[in-house]
Protein backbone atom coordinates (compact mmCIF):
# COMPACT_ATOMS: atom_id res chain seq x y z
CA MET A 1 -36.52 50.55 -10.37
CA ILE A 2 -37.73 52.87 -7.84
CA GLY A 3 -35.39 54.10 -5.25
CA ILE A 4 -35.72 54.46 -1.52
CA THR A 5 -36.79 57.89 -1.26
CA GLU A 6 -39.15 57.86 -4.73
CA LYS A 7 -42.89 57.16 -4.10
CA ARG A 8 -45.29 56.04 -6.95
CA ARG A 9 -48.75 55.88 -6.99
CA PRO A 10 -49.91 52.05 -6.67
CA SER A 11 -51.79 52.72 -10.14
CA GLU A 12 -48.28 53.80 -11.82
CA PRO A 13 -46.25 50.81 -13.25
CA GLU A 14 -42.70 50.50 -12.39
CA ASP A 15 -41.29 52.03 -15.64
CA ALA A 16 -42.99 55.26 -15.14
CA HIS A 17 -40.14 56.80 -13.41
CA ARG A 18 -36.74 57.92 -14.48
CA GLY A 19 -33.76 55.71 -14.11
CA TRP A 20 -35.75 52.51 -15.19
CA ILE A 21 -33.79 50.64 -17.94
CA ALA A 22 -35.81 48.97 -20.51
CA PRO A 23 -35.23 45.05 -20.90
CA THR A 24 -33.21 44.26 -23.92
CA PRO A 25 -34.75 41.82 -26.42
CA ALA A 26 -34.24 38.06 -25.24
CA ASP A 27 -33.77 36.86 -28.89
CA ALA A 28 -33.32 37.67 -32.52
CA VAL A 29 -36.78 37.10 -32.73
CA GLU A 30 -37.80 40.08 -30.18
CA ALA A 31 -34.88 41.94 -31.83
CA ALA A 32 -36.56 41.94 -35.21
CA ALA A 33 -40.00 42.55 -33.77
CA ASP A 34 -38.65 45.69 -32.13
CA ARG A 35 -37.27 46.83 -35.33
CA ALA A 36 -40.32 46.17 -37.25
CA MET A 37 -42.24 47.96 -34.53
CA ALA A 38 -39.90 51.00 -34.90
CA ALA A 39 -40.19 51.03 -38.55
CA ALA A 40 -43.99 50.71 -38.35
CA GLU A 41 -44.26 53.93 -36.21
CA ARG A 42 -41.85 55.72 -38.36
CA ALA A 43 -44.12 55.19 -41.38
CA VAL A 44 -47.26 56.10 -39.72
CA ALA A 45 -45.50 59.18 -38.03
CA THR A 46 -44.51 60.20 -41.74
CA GLY A 47 -47.70 59.47 -43.36
CA THR A 48 -46.01 56.41 -45.53
CA ALA A 49 -47.57 53.65 -43.75
CA THR A 50 -49.09 50.66 -45.37
CA ASP A 51 -52.36 49.54 -44.23
CA ASP A 52 -50.60 46.55 -42.19
CA GLN A 53 -48.28 48.86 -40.46
CA GLN A 54 -51.26 50.98 -39.51
CA ALA A 55 -53.13 48.03 -38.33
CA ASP A 56 -49.90 46.86 -36.46
CA VAL A 57 -49.68 50.33 -34.63
CA ARG A 58 -53.33 50.59 -33.81
CA ARG A 59 -53.15 47.28 -31.94
CA MET A 60 -50.30 48.61 -29.68
CA ASP A 61 -52.64 51.60 -28.64
CA ASP A 62 -53.74 50.35 -25.21
CA ALA A 63 -50.25 48.65 -24.29
CA ARG A 64 -48.37 50.53 -21.68
CA THR A 65 -45.27 48.69 -21.21
CA HIS A 66 -42.71 47.85 -24.42
CA GLU A 67 -43.49 44.52 -23.65
CA GLU A 68 -47.31 44.85 -24.16
CA ARG A 69 -46.46 46.66 -27.36
CA ARG A 70 -44.27 43.89 -28.55
CA ALA A 71 -46.78 41.32 -27.80
CA ALA A 72 -49.62 43.40 -29.14
CA PHE A 73 -47.54 43.96 -32.24
CA ARG A 74 -46.61 40.40 -32.86
CA ASP A 75 -50.12 39.33 -32.32
CA GLN A 76 -51.72 39.48 -35.90
CA ASP A 77 -54.75 37.50 -35.40
């Protein structure tokens, strides 16, 4: 969280500053989603992603926080 002396703009999310520690996955399903997200992002970065992995990563484009990215990744309409 933000220290007493550190100021942030109202538009900035709380995780925009050093010292913030991201929450760990709450259960095995979230942990598996995090591993799959990382694998998909690595595959996109190296140019070896499947169409599904590319679509998964594109869904996460507008998410700001890790939790939003995880929710977008898991939401496969």
